[in-house]
N, C-alpha and C. Protein backbone atom coordinates (compact mmCIF):
# COMPACT_ATOMS: atom_id res chain seq x y z
N MET A 1 47.39 212.80 93.47
CA MET A 1 48.32 211.67 93.37
C MET A 1 49.66 212.06 94.00
N THR A 2 50.13 211.27 94.94
CA THR A 2 51.43 211.48 95.55
C THR A 2 52.44 210.55 94.89
N THR A 3 53.54 211.11 94.43
CA THR A 3 54.58 210.31 93.80
C THR A 3 55.77 210.19 94.75
N TYR A 4 56.13 208.96 95.07
CA TYR A 4 57.26 208.70 95.96
C TYR A 4 58.47 208.27 95.16
N LEU A 5 59.59 208.93 95.39
CA LEU A 5 60.88 208.50 94.85
C LEU A 5 61.60 207.76 95.96
N LEU A 6 61.62 206.43 95.86
CA LEU A 6 62.22 205.59 96.89
C LEU A 6 63.70 205.41 96.57
N VAL A 7 64.55 206.06 97.36
CA VAL A 7 65.98 206.11 97.08
C VAL A 7 66.73 205.23 98.08
N ARG A 8 67.53 204.30 97.56
CA ARG A 8 68.42 203.56 98.45
C ARG A 8 69.67 204.40 98.67
N HIS A 9 70.15 204.47 99.90
CA HIS A 9 71.35 205.25 100.19
C HIS A 9 72.53 204.77 99.34
N ALA A 10 73.50 205.63 99.14
CA ALA A 10 74.66 205.30 98.33
C ALA A 10 75.61 204.36 99.08
N ALA A 11 76.64 203.92 98.39
CA ALA A 11 77.53 202.86 98.89
C ALA A 11 78.34 203.29 100.11
N THR A 12 78.61 202.31 100.97
CA THR A 12 79.49 202.48 102.12
C THR A 12 80.57 201.39 102.04
N GLU A 13 81.48 201.41 102.99
CA GLU A 13 82.51 200.36 103.01
C GLU A 13 81.91 199.00 103.36
N PHE A 14 80.73 199.00 103.97
CA PHE A 14 80.05 197.75 104.34
C PHE A 14 79.37 197.10 103.14
N SER A 15 79.09 197.88 102.11
CA SER A 15 78.28 197.39 101.00
C SER A 15 78.83 196.09 100.42
N ASN A 16 77.96 195.09 100.31
CA ASN A 16 78.27 193.78 99.73
C ASN A 16 79.26 192.95 100.53
N LEU A 17 79.60 193.41 101.73
CA LEU A 17 80.56 192.66 102.56
C LEU A 17 79.94 192.10 103.83
N ALA A 18 79.12 192.90 104.49
CA ALA A 18 78.59 192.49 105.79
C ALA A 18 77.23 193.14 106.00
N ILE A 19 76.54 192.68 107.05
CA ILE A 19 75.23 193.20 107.41
C ILE A 19 75.42 194.45 108.28
N ALA A 20 75.20 195.61 107.69
CA ALA A 20 75.32 196.85 108.45
C ALA A 20 74.13 197.02 109.38
N GLY A 21 72.95 196.67 108.88
CA GLY A 21 71.76 196.78 109.71
C GLY A 21 71.59 198.18 110.27
N ARG A 22 71.35 198.24 111.59
CA ARG A 22 71.15 199.54 112.23
C ARG A 22 72.41 200.05 112.94
N THR A 23 73.56 199.53 112.52
CA THR A 23 74.82 200.02 113.06
C THR A 23 74.96 201.51 112.76
N THR A 24 75.34 202.28 113.76
CA THR A 24 75.47 203.73 113.58
C THR A 24 76.88 204.10 113.15
N ASN A 25 77.03 205.35 112.74
CA ASN A 25 78.33 205.92 112.35
C ASN A 25 78.94 205.24 111.13
N ILE A 26 78.11 204.72 110.26
CA ILE A 26 78.60 204.22 108.97
C ILE A 26 78.34 205.31 107.94
N ARG A 27 79.42 205.80 107.36
CA ARG A 27 79.32 206.91 106.41
C ARG A 27 79.46 206.41 104.98
N LEU A 28 79.14 207.28 104.04
CA LEU A 28 79.33 206.93 102.64
C LEU A 28 80.81 206.83 102.32
N SER A 29 81.14 205.90 101.44
CA SER A 29 82.49 205.81 100.92
C SER A 29 82.69 206.93 99.90
N PRO A 30 83.95 207.20 99.49
CA PRO A 30 84.15 208.21 98.45
C PRO A 30 83.34 207.92 97.19
N GLU A 31 83.27 206.65 96.80
CA GLU A 31 82.46 206.29 95.64
C GLU A 31 80.98 206.51 95.93
N GLY A 32 80.57 206.25 97.17
CA GLY A 32 79.18 206.49 97.56
C GLY A 32 78.79 207.95 97.41
N ARG A 33 79.68 208.85 97.78
CA ARG A 33 79.39 210.28 97.63
C ARG A 33 79.26 210.64 96.15
N ARG A 34 80.11 210.06 95.33
CA ARG A 34 80.01 210.33 93.89
C ARG A 34 78.70 209.77 93.34
N GLN A 35 78.30 208.59 93.81
CA GLN A 35 77.02 208.02 93.38
C GLN A 35 75.86 208.95 93.73
N ALA A 36 75.88 209.46 94.96
CA ALA A 36 74.79 210.34 95.41
C ALA A 36 74.76 211.62 94.59
N GLU A 37 75.92 212.14 94.24
CA GLU A 37 75.97 213.36 93.43
C GLU A 37 75.43 213.11 92.03
N ARG A 38 75.75 211.95 91.46
CA ARG A 38 75.22 211.62 90.14
C ARG A 38 73.71 211.43 90.20
N LEU A 39 73.25 210.82 91.29
CA LEU A 39 71.80 210.63 91.44
C LEU A 39 71.10 211.97 91.60
N ARG A 40 71.71 212.89 92.32
CA ARG A 40 71.13 214.24 92.46
C ARG A 40 70.93 214.88 91.10
N ASP A 41 71.91 214.71 90.21
CA ASP A 41 71.80 215.28 88.87
C ASP A 41 70.68 214.59 88.08
N LEU A 42 70.54 213.26 88.27
CA LEU A 42 69.49 212.52 87.58
C LEU A 42 68.10 212.99 88.02
N LEU A 43 67.96 213.30 89.31
CA LEU A 43 66.66 213.69 89.85
C LEU A 43 66.37 215.18 89.70
N GLN A 44 67.35 215.93 89.25
CA GLN A 44 67.21 217.39 89.18
C GLN A 44 65.93 217.84 88.48
N PRO A 45 65.50 217.19 87.37
CA PRO A 45 64.28 217.67 86.71
C PRO A 45 62.99 217.40 87.48
N GLN A 46 63.06 216.54 88.49
CA GLN A 46 61.84 216.18 89.22
C GLN A 46 61.46 217.30 90.20
N PRO A 47 60.19 217.68 90.27
CA PRO A 47 59.76 218.76 91.16
C PRO A 47 59.58 218.26 92.60
N VAL A 48 60.67 217.91 93.24
CA VAL A 48 60.61 217.33 94.59
C VAL A 48 60.19 218.39 95.60
N ALA A 49 59.13 218.07 96.36
CA ALA A 49 58.61 219.03 97.33
C ALA A 49 59.18 218.82 98.73
N ALA A 50 59.63 217.59 99.02
CA ALA A 50 60.14 217.29 100.36
C ALA A 50 61.05 216.08 100.29
N ILE A 51 62.01 216.02 101.21
CA ILE A 51 62.92 214.89 101.30
C ILE A 51 62.90 214.35 102.72
N TYR A 52 62.61 213.07 102.84
CA TYR A 52 62.63 212.38 104.14
C TYR A 52 63.71 211.31 104.12
N SER A 53 64.24 211.00 105.30
CA SER A 53 65.34 210.05 105.37
C SER A 53 65.21 209.13 106.57
N SER A 54 65.74 207.94 106.42
CA SER A 54 66.01 207.07 107.56
C SER A 54 66.94 207.83 108.51
N PRO A 55 66.85 207.57 109.81
CA PRO A 55 67.73 208.28 110.74
C PRO A 55 69.18 207.82 110.72
N LEU A 56 69.50 206.74 110.03
CA LEU A 56 70.88 206.25 109.99
C LEU A 56 71.76 207.17 109.14
N GLU A 57 73.00 207.34 109.58
CA GLU A 57 73.88 208.36 108.99
C GLU A 57 74.07 208.21 107.48
N ARG A 58 74.21 206.99 107.00
CA ARG A 58 74.46 206.79 105.57
C ARG A 58 73.28 207.26 104.72
N ALA A 59 72.09 207.13 105.27
CA ALA A 59 70.91 207.61 104.56
C ALA A 59 70.80 209.14 104.67
N VAL A 60 71.04 209.67 105.85
CA VAL A 60 70.97 211.13 106.05
C VAL A 60 72.00 211.83 105.17
N GLU A 61 73.19 211.24 105.07
CA GLU A 61 74.23 211.83 104.24
C GLU A 61 73.82 211.84 102.76
N THR A 62 73.25 210.73 102.31
CA THR A 62 72.76 210.67 100.93
C THR A 62 71.66 211.70 100.71
N ALA A 63 70.73 211.77 101.65
CA ALA A 63 69.63 212.74 101.53
C ALA A 63 70.14 214.17 101.51
N GLY A 64 71.17 214.45 102.28
CA GLY A 64 71.73 215.80 102.31
C GLY A 64 72.31 216.20 100.96
N ILE A 65 72.94 215.26 100.28
CA ILE A 65 73.49 215.54 98.96
C ILE A 65 72.35 215.79 97.96
N LEU A 66 71.30 214.98 98.04
CA LEU A 66 70.16 215.18 97.14
C LEU A 66 69.45 216.50 97.42
N ALA A 67 69.38 216.88 98.69
CA ALA A 67 68.65 218.09 99.07
C ALA A 67 69.38 219.36 98.66
N ALA A 68 70.69 219.25 98.39
CA ALA A 68 71.47 220.43 98.05
C ALA A 68 71.03 221.03 96.72
N GLY A 69 70.50 220.18 95.82
CA GLY A 69 70.05 220.68 94.52
C GLY A 69 68.85 221.59 94.65
N PRO A 70 67.71 221.05 95.12
CA PRO A 70 66.52 221.90 95.29
C PRO A 70 66.53 222.72 96.58
N LYS A 71 67.60 222.60 97.37
CA LYS A 71 67.75 223.35 98.62
C LYS A 71 66.58 223.09 99.57
N LEU A 72 66.38 221.81 99.85
CA LEU A 72 65.32 221.39 100.75
C LEU A 72 65.91 220.94 102.08
N ARG A 73 65.09 220.98 103.11
CA ARG A 73 65.48 220.49 104.42
C ARG A 73 65.18 219.00 104.49
N VAL A 74 66.09 218.22 105.08
CA VAL A 74 65.90 216.78 105.24
C VAL A 74 65.22 216.51 106.58
N THR A 75 64.14 215.75 106.55
CA THR A 75 63.42 215.36 107.76
C THR A 75 63.59 213.86 107.96
N THR A 76 63.99 213.44 109.15
CA THR A 76 64.15 212.01 109.40
C THR A 76 62.84 211.39 109.88
N GLU A 77 62.62 210.14 109.46
CA GLU A 77 61.42 209.39 109.82
C GLU A 77 61.83 207.98 110.24
N GLU A 78 61.38 207.55 111.41
CA GLU A 78 61.74 206.23 111.92
C GLU A 78 61.24 205.09 111.04
N PHE A 79 60.11 205.29 110.36
CA PHE A 79 59.57 204.18 109.57
C PHE A 79 60.47 203.84 108.38
N LEU A 80 61.39 204.74 108.04
CA LEU A 80 62.31 204.51 106.93
C LEU A 80 63.60 203.80 107.35
N ALA A 81 63.72 203.46 108.63
CA ALA A 81 64.94 202.82 109.13
C ALA A 81 65.15 201.46 108.48
N GLU A 82 66.39 201.02 108.48
CA GLU A 82 66.73 199.69 107.96
C GLU A 82 66.04 198.61 108.77
N ILE A 83 65.82 197.47 108.16
CA ILE A 83 65.31 196.33 108.90
C ILE A 83 66.26 196.01 110.05
N ASP A 84 65.72 195.65 111.19
CA ASP A 84 66.54 195.29 112.35
C ASP A 84 67.04 193.87 112.17
N TYR A 85 68.35 193.74 111.93
CA TYR A 85 68.94 192.42 111.67
C TYR A 85 69.33 191.67 112.95
N GLY A 86 69.01 192.23 114.09
CA GLY A 86 69.21 191.51 115.34
C GLY A 86 70.59 190.89 115.50
N GLU A 87 70.64 189.57 115.74
CA GLU A 87 71.90 188.86 115.98
C GLU A 87 72.83 188.85 114.77
N TRP A 88 72.29 189.13 113.60
CA TRP A 88 73.11 189.08 112.39
C TRP A 88 73.83 190.39 112.10
N THR A 89 73.51 191.43 112.85
CA THR A 89 74.13 192.73 112.61
C THR A 89 75.65 192.65 112.77
N GLY A 90 76.35 193.13 111.75
CA GLY A 90 77.81 193.16 111.77
C GLY A 90 78.47 191.92 111.22
N LEU A 91 77.70 190.85 110.99
CA LEU A 91 78.29 189.62 110.45
C LEU A 91 78.51 189.74 108.96
N SER A 92 79.56 189.07 108.47
CA SER A 92 79.81 189.06 107.03
C SER A 92 78.92 188.02 106.38
N PHE A 93 78.73 188.16 105.08
CA PHE A 93 77.92 187.18 104.35
C PHE A 93 78.60 185.81 104.35
N ALA A 94 79.92 185.80 104.40
CA ALA A 94 80.64 184.53 104.48
C ALA A 94 80.33 183.81 105.81
N GLU A 95 80.20 184.59 106.89
CA GLU A 95 79.87 184.00 108.19
C GLU A 95 78.44 183.48 108.23
N LEU A 96 77.57 184.05 107.43
CA LEU A 96 76.15 183.70 107.48
C LEU A 96 75.76 182.58 106.51
N LYS A 97 76.57 182.31 105.52
CA LYS A 97 76.13 181.44 104.42
C LYS A 97 75.74 180.04 104.86
N ASP A 98 76.33 179.52 105.93
CA ASP A 98 76.00 178.17 106.38
C ASP A 98 74.98 178.14 107.52
N ASP A 99 74.49 179.32 107.92
CA ASP A 99 73.49 179.41 108.99
C ASP A 99 72.13 179.03 108.41
N GLN A 100 71.53 177.99 108.94
CA GLN A 100 70.24 177.52 108.41
C GLN A 100 69.14 178.57 108.58
N ARG A 101 69.23 179.38 109.63
CA ARG A 101 68.23 180.43 109.83
C ARG A 101 68.35 181.49 108.73
N TRP A 102 69.59 181.80 108.32
CA TRP A 102 69.82 182.75 107.23
C TRP A 102 69.29 182.18 105.92
N GLN A 103 69.53 180.90 105.70
CA GLN A 103 69.03 180.25 104.49
C GLN A 103 67.50 180.26 104.46
N ALA A 104 66.89 180.00 105.62
CA ALA A 104 65.42 180.02 105.69
C ALA A 104 64.88 181.42 105.43
N PHE A 105 65.56 182.44 105.97
CA PHE A 105 65.12 183.82 105.78
C PHE A 105 65.16 184.20 104.31
N ASN A 106 66.14 183.70 103.58
CA ASN A 106 66.26 184.04 102.17
C ASN A 106 65.40 183.17 101.27
N SER A 107 64.72 182.18 101.84
CA SER A 107 63.82 181.33 101.07
C SER A 107 62.35 181.61 101.39
N PHE A 108 62.09 181.88 102.67
CA PHE A 108 60.70 182.05 103.13
C PHE A 108 60.61 183.28 104.04
N ARG A 109 60.79 184.44 103.45
CA ARG A 109 60.82 185.66 104.26
C ARG A 109 59.47 186.00 104.87
N SER A 110 58.41 185.48 104.29
CA SER A 110 57.09 185.80 104.81
C SER A 110 56.83 185.14 106.16
N THR A 111 57.55 184.07 106.48
CA THR A 111 57.29 183.32 107.71
C THR A 111 58.51 183.20 108.62
N THR A 112 59.65 183.78 108.21
CA THR A 112 60.89 183.66 108.99
C THR A 112 61.23 184.99 109.64
N ARG A 113 61.43 184.96 110.94
CA ARG A 113 61.81 186.17 111.66
C ARG A 113 63.31 186.15 111.94
N ILE A 114 63.95 187.28 111.78
CA ILE A 114 65.37 187.40 112.08
C ILE A 114 65.57 187.19 113.58
N PRO A 115 66.52 186.34 113.99
CA PRO A 115 66.74 186.13 115.43
C PRO A 115 67.10 187.43 116.14
N GLY A 116 66.24 187.82 117.06
CA GLY A 116 66.46 189.06 117.79
C GLY A 116 66.14 190.31 117.00
N GLY A 117 65.55 190.14 115.82
CA GLY A 117 65.28 191.29 114.97
C GLY A 117 63.86 191.34 114.47
N GLU A 118 63.67 191.92 113.29
CA GLU A 118 62.34 192.13 112.71
C GLU A 118 61.96 191.03 111.74
N SER A 119 60.70 191.02 111.39
CA SER A 119 60.21 190.18 110.31
C SER A 119 60.03 191.03 109.07
N ALA A 120 60.11 190.41 107.90
CA ALA A 120 59.88 191.14 106.66
C ALA A 120 58.46 191.68 106.61
N VAL A 121 57.52 190.92 107.13
CA VAL A 121 56.12 191.36 107.16
C VAL A 121 56.00 192.65 107.98
N GLY A 122 56.68 192.70 109.12
CA GLY A 122 56.63 193.88 109.97
C GLY A 122 57.22 195.10 109.29
N VAL A 123 58.32 194.91 108.56
CA VAL A 123 58.95 196.03 107.84
C VAL A 123 58.01 196.54 106.75
N GLN A 124 57.39 195.62 106.04
CA GLN A 124 56.46 196.01 104.99
C GLN A 124 55.29 196.81 105.56
N GLU A 125 54.78 196.36 106.69
CA GLU A 125 53.65 197.05 107.31
C GLU A 125 54.01 198.47 107.73
N ARG A 126 55.19 198.66 108.33
CA ARG A 126 55.55 200.01 108.77
C ARG A 126 55.85 200.93 107.58
N MET A 127 56.40 200.37 106.50
CA MET A 127 56.64 201.18 105.31
C MET A 127 55.33 201.66 104.70
N VAL A 128 54.39 200.75 104.53
CA VAL A 128 53.11 201.11 103.91
C VAL A 128 52.35 202.10 104.79
N ALA A 129 52.35 201.88 106.09
CA ALA A 129 51.68 202.81 107.00
C ALA A 129 52.31 204.19 106.94
N GLY A 130 53.64 204.25 106.86
CA GLY A 130 54.32 205.53 106.78
C GLY A 130 54.03 206.26 105.48
N LEU A 131 54.01 205.53 104.38
CA LEU A 131 53.71 206.16 103.09
C LEU A 131 52.28 206.68 103.05
N GLU A 132 51.36 205.94 103.63
CA GLU A 132 49.98 206.40 103.67
C GLU A 132 49.85 207.67 104.51
N ARG A 133 50.60 207.74 105.58
CA ARG A 133 50.56 208.94 106.43
C ARG A 133 51.12 210.15 105.68
N LEU A 134 52.24 209.96 104.97
CA LEU A 134 52.82 211.07 104.22
C LEU A 134 51.95 211.50 103.04
N GLN A 135 51.15 210.57 102.54
CA GLN A 135 50.25 210.92 101.44
C GLN A 135 49.27 212.01 101.84
N LEU A 136 48.84 211.97 103.10
CA LEU A 136 47.93 213.01 103.60
C LEU A 136 48.65 214.35 103.73
N ARG A 137 49.94 214.30 104.00
CA ARG A 137 50.74 215.51 104.16
C ARG A 137 51.15 216.12 102.82
N HIS A 138 51.28 215.27 101.80
CA HIS A 138 51.79 215.72 100.50
C HIS A 138 50.89 215.27 99.34
N PRO A 139 49.64 215.67 99.34
CA PRO A 139 48.78 215.31 98.21
C PRO A 139 49.26 216.01 96.94
N ASP A 140 49.30 215.25 95.85
CA ASP A 140 49.67 215.81 94.54
C ASP A 140 51.08 216.40 94.51
N GLU A 141 51.99 215.81 95.29
CA GLU A 141 53.38 216.28 95.30
C GLU A 141 54.33 215.11 95.06
N VAL A 142 55.55 215.46 94.73
CA VAL A 142 56.63 214.48 94.57
C VAL A 142 57.48 214.51 95.82
N VAL A 143 57.67 213.34 96.44
CA VAL A 143 58.39 213.25 97.70
C VAL A 143 59.53 212.23 97.56
N ALA A 144 60.73 212.62 97.96
CA ALA A 144 61.88 211.71 97.94
C ALA A 144 62.05 211.09 99.33
N LEU A 145 62.22 209.78 99.37
CA LEU A 145 62.41 209.05 100.62
C LEU A 145 63.71 208.27 100.53
N VAL A 146 64.68 208.61 101.36
CA VAL A 146 65.97 207.93 101.33
C VAL A 146 65.99 206.88 102.43
N THR A 147 66.12 205.63 102.02
CA THR A 147 66.03 204.53 102.97
C THR A 147 66.99 203.41 102.57
N HIS A 148 66.62 202.17 102.77
CA HIS A 148 67.54 201.05 102.63
C HIS A 148 66.95 199.98 101.72
N LEU A 149 67.77 199.00 101.41
CA LEU A 149 67.39 197.96 100.46
C LEU A 149 66.08 197.27 100.82
N GLU A 150 66.01 196.66 102.00
CA GLU A 150 64.83 195.85 102.33
C GLU A 150 63.55 196.67 102.44
N PRO A 151 63.55 197.83 103.10
CA PRO A 151 62.32 198.62 103.13
C PRO A 151 61.80 198.98 101.74
N ILE A 152 62.71 199.33 100.82
CA ILE A 152 62.27 199.66 99.46
C ILE A 152 61.72 198.43 98.77
N ARG A 153 62.45 197.34 98.87
CA ARG A 153 62.04 196.12 98.17
C ARG A 153 60.68 195.62 98.68
N LEU A 154 60.48 195.70 99.98
CA LEU A 154 59.22 195.22 100.54
C LEU A 154 58.06 196.17 100.22
N ALA A 155 58.33 197.46 100.14
CA ALA A 155 57.28 198.40 99.73
C ALA A 155 56.88 198.15 98.28
N ILE A 156 57.87 197.94 97.42
CA ILE A 156 57.59 197.64 96.01
C ILE A 156 56.77 196.36 95.90
N CYS A 157 57.12 195.35 96.68
CA CYS A 157 56.35 194.10 96.66
C CYS A 157 54.88 194.36 96.99
N HIS A 158 54.64 195.16 98.00
CA HIS A 158 53.26 195.45 98.39
C HIS A 158 52.50 196.11 97.26
N TYR A 159 53.08 197.17 96.69
CA TYR A 159 52.34 197.95 95.69
C TYR A 159 52.27 197.25 94.34
N ALA A 160 53.20 196.34 94.07
CA ALA A 160 53.18 195.60 92.81
C ALA A 160 52.43 194.28 92.93
N GLY A 161 52.01 193.93 94.14
CA GLY A 161 51.30 192.67 94.33
C GLY A 161 52.21 191.46 94.24
N VAL A 162 53.48 191.63 94.61
CA VAL A 162 54.46 190.53 94.55
C VAL A 162 54.57 189.90 95.94
N PRO A 163 54.48 188.57 96.06
CA PRO A 163 54.62 187.92 97.37
C PRO A 163 55.99 188.21 97.98
N ILE A 164 56.02 188.36 99.29
CA ILE A 164 57.28 188.65 99.99
C ILE A 164 58.33 187.58 99.70
N ASP A 165 57.93 186.32 99.57
CA ASP A 165 58.90 185.26 99.33
C ASP A 165 59.60 185.38 97.99
N LEU A 166 59.10 186.22 97.11
CA LEU A 166 59.74 186.46 95.81
C LEU A 166 60.48 187.79 95.78
N SER A 167 60.63 188.42 96.94
CA SER A 167 61.21 189.77 96.97
C SER A 167 62.65 189.82 96.49
N LEU A 168 63.40 188.72 96.65
CA LEU A 168 64.81 188.73 96.24
C LEU A 168 64.98 188.83 94.73
N ARG A 169 63.90 188.66 93.99
CA ARG A 169 63.97 188.84 92.55
C ARG A 169 64.05 190.31 92.14
N ILE A 170 63.79 191.19 93.09
CA ILE A 170 63.81 192.63 92.82
C ILE A 170 65.17 193.19 93.23
N SER A 171 65.88 193.74 92.27
CA SER A 171 67.20 194.32 92.54
C SER A 171 67.06 195.81 92.84
N ILE A 172 67.65 196.22 93.96
CA ILE A 172 67.66 197.64 94.35
C ILE A 172 69.12 198.00 94.68
N GLU A 173 69.78 198.67 93.77
CA GLU A 173 71.20 198.98 93.92
C GLU A 173 71.41 200.23 94.78
N PRO A 174 72.63 200.38 95.35
CA PRO A 174 72.93 201.62 96.06
C PRO A 174 72.76 202.83 95.15
N ALA A 175 72.25 203.92 95.71
CA ALA A 175 72.03 205.17 94.98
C ALA A 175 71.11 204.98 93.78
N SER A 176 70.11 204.10 93.95
CA SER A 176 69.10 203.92 92.91
C SER A 176 67.79 204.55 93.36
N VAL A 177 66.93 204.81 92.40
CA VAL A 177 65.61 205.36 92.70
C VAL A 177 64.54 204.51 92.03
N SER A 178 63.50 204.23 92.79
CA SER A 178 62.31 203.56 92.28
C SER A 178 61.13 204.48 92.57
N ALA A 179 60.20 204.55 91.65
CA ALA A 179 59.12 205.53 91.77
C ALA A 179 57.76 204.85 91.81
N VAL A 180 56.94 205.27 92.77
CA VAL A 180 55.58 204.76 92.93
C VAL A 180 54.64 205.94 93.10
N ALA A 181 53.54 205.93 92.33
CA ALA A 181 52.53 206.98 92.45
C ALA A 181 51.27 206.37 93.05
N ILE A 182 50.73 207.03 94.07
CA ILE A 182 49.57 206.51 94.80
C ILE A 182 48.47 207.55 94.82
N SER A 183 47.26 207.12 94.49
CA SER A 183 46.10 208.00 94.56
C SER A 183 44.89 207.16 94.92
N ARG A 184 43.76 207.82 95.08
CA ARG A 184 42.53 207.09 95.38
C ARG A 184 42.11 206.21 94.21
N GLN A 185 42.56 206.56 93.03
CA GLN A 185 42.18 205.80 91.84
C GLN A 185 43.04 204.55 91.64
N GLY A 186 44.19 204.49 92.29
CA GLY A 186 45.02 203.31 92.13
C GLY A 186 46.50 203.60 92.33
N ILE A 187 47.31 202.64 91.92
CA ILE A 187 48.75 202.68 92.13
C ILE A 187 49.46 202.45 90.80
N ARG A 188 50.54 203.21 90.59
CA ARG A 188 51.35 203.03 89.39
C ARG A 188 52.81 202.91 89.79
N ILE A 189 53.47 201.87 89.29
CA ILE A 189 54.92 201.74 89.44
C ILE A 189 55.54 202.47 88.26
N LEU A 190 56.22 203.58 88.52
CA LEU A 190 56.71 204.43 87.44
C LEU A 190 58.16 204.15 87.06
N GLY A 191 58.90 203.51 87.94
CA GLY A 191 60.30 203.21 87.66
C GLY A 191 60.85 202.30 88.73
N LEU A 192 61.88 201.53 88.38
CA LEU A 192 62.45 200.57 89.33
C LEU A 192 63.96 200.53 89.18
N ASN A 193 64.66 200.73 90.31
CA ASN A 193 66.11 200.55 90.37
C ASN A 193 66.85 201.39 89.33
N ARG A 194 66.43 202.62 89.15
CA ARG A 194 67.07 203.51 88.18
C ARG A 194 68.29 204.16 88.82
N THR A 195 69.44 204.07 88.15
CA THR A 195 70.64 204.72 88.65
C THR A 195 71.22 205.61 87.56
N ALA A 196 72.01 206.59 87.99
CA ALA A 196 72.66 207.47 87.02
C ALA A 196 73.61 206.67 86.14
N GLY A 197 74.21 205.63 86.71
CA GLY A 197 75.16 204.82 85.95
C GLY A 197 74.52 204.08 84.79
N ILE A 198 73.24 203.75 84.93
CA ILE A 198 72.55 203.03 83.85
C ILE A 198 72.57 203.85 82.57
N GLU A 199 72.42 205.16 82.70
CA GLU A 199 72.36 206.01 81.51
C GLU A 199 73.64 205.92 80.69
N SER A 200 74.79 206.03 81.36
CA SER A 200 76.05 206.02 80.63
C SER A 200 76.36 204.64 80.06
N ARG A 201 76.01 203.58 80.81
CA ARG A 201 76.29 202.23 80.31
C ARG A 201 75.47 201.93 79.07
N LEU A 202 74.20 202.34 79.08
CA LEU A 202 73.36 202.09 77.91
C LEU A 202 73.84 202.89 76.71
N ALA A 203 74.28 204.11 76.96
CA ALA A 203 74.76 204.95 75.87
C ALA A 203 76.00 204.34 75.22
N GLU A 204 76.84 203.72 76.04
CA GLU A 204 78.03 203.08 75.51
C GLU A 204 77.68 201.87 74.66
N CYS A 205 76.64 201.14 75.04
CA CYS A 205 76.26 199.94 74.31
C CYS A 205 75.65 200.27 72.95
N SER A 206 74.77 201.24 72.91
CA SER A 206 74.10 201.56 71.66
C SER A 206 73.41 202.91 71.79
N ASN A 207 73.55 203.71 70.75
CA ASN A 207 72.88 205.01 70.81
C ASN A 207 71.40 204.90 70.51
N THR A 208 70.92 203.67 70.26
CA THR A 208 69.50 203.47 70.04
C THR A 208 68.80 202.90 71.26
N MET A 209 69.59 202.53 72.27
CA MET A 209 69.02 201.94 73.48
C MET A 209 68.85 203.03 74.54
N THR A 210 67.74 203.01 75.21
CA THR A 210 67.51 203.94 76.32
C THR A 210 66.88 203.20 77.47
N GLY A 211 67.16 203.66 78.70
CA GLY A 211 66.55 203.06 79.88
C GLY A 211 65.13 203.54 80.02
N PRO A 212 64.35 202.85 80.88
CA PRO A 212 62.97 203.27 81.11
C PRO A 212 62.93 204.66 81.74
N ALA A 213 62.12 205.52 81.20
CA ALA A 213 62.06 206.90 81.70
C ALA A 213 61.47 206.93 83.08
N LEU A 214 62.04 207.77 83.92
CA LEU A 214 61.48 208.02 85.25
C LEU A 214 60.41 209.09 85.09
N VAL A 215 59.21 208.66 84.87
CA VAL A 215 58.11 209.55 84.55
C VAL A 215 57.36 209.92 85.82
N VAL A 216 57.09 211.18 86.00
CA VAL A 216 56.24 211.63 87.10
C VAL A 216 54.82 211.77 86.56
N ALA A 217 53.91 211.01 87.15
CA ALA A 217 52.54 211.02 86.64
C ALA A 217 51.91 212.39 86.87
N PRO A 218 51.05 212.80 85.94
CA PRO A 218 50.38 214.09 86.12
C PRO A 218 49.39 214.04 87.26
């Protein structure tokens, strides 16, 4: 059984403001670096055998912080790259809100292609193909994959049997980890959108409340 820790890169100055897409030279913000460090501490108990990253700098930087704990080398993989947002790259969400193509993409992602960019179906296909390839390389190991919001969300949809058009119901925050275990016997979703911040917030609310454990299947 191969267990994948699907990590969304930590926050940048673009986060929640505009479509970064495949824009290069976007680095983590100071808060993003702190997020990645907290996530590294959260993942410390996991026996991670390898760390792979999207080639974009914000993902590589996040992966580098995570790799410092177990002292692993980061390997970049093209299949982990952000969805290609084509003509929408660099636009703010305020600029996009009245675009009918943007509205259609957020309602019917299974049939709407980004102008000049990728389709959600295509991103899902490359993610699943990449994970299957790495499964042959890392049987019975835990592998961390640092990537982006849409690739993670679409991979989760595939393995959970959720239609792509319902993908926006899945929240994947910056510096979060979702865990999927894959074997010949089947698939298990072990955790979703877990962040280091969740632990402290729950502890503040009640000492009887705990978040879902990030369990690594035997």
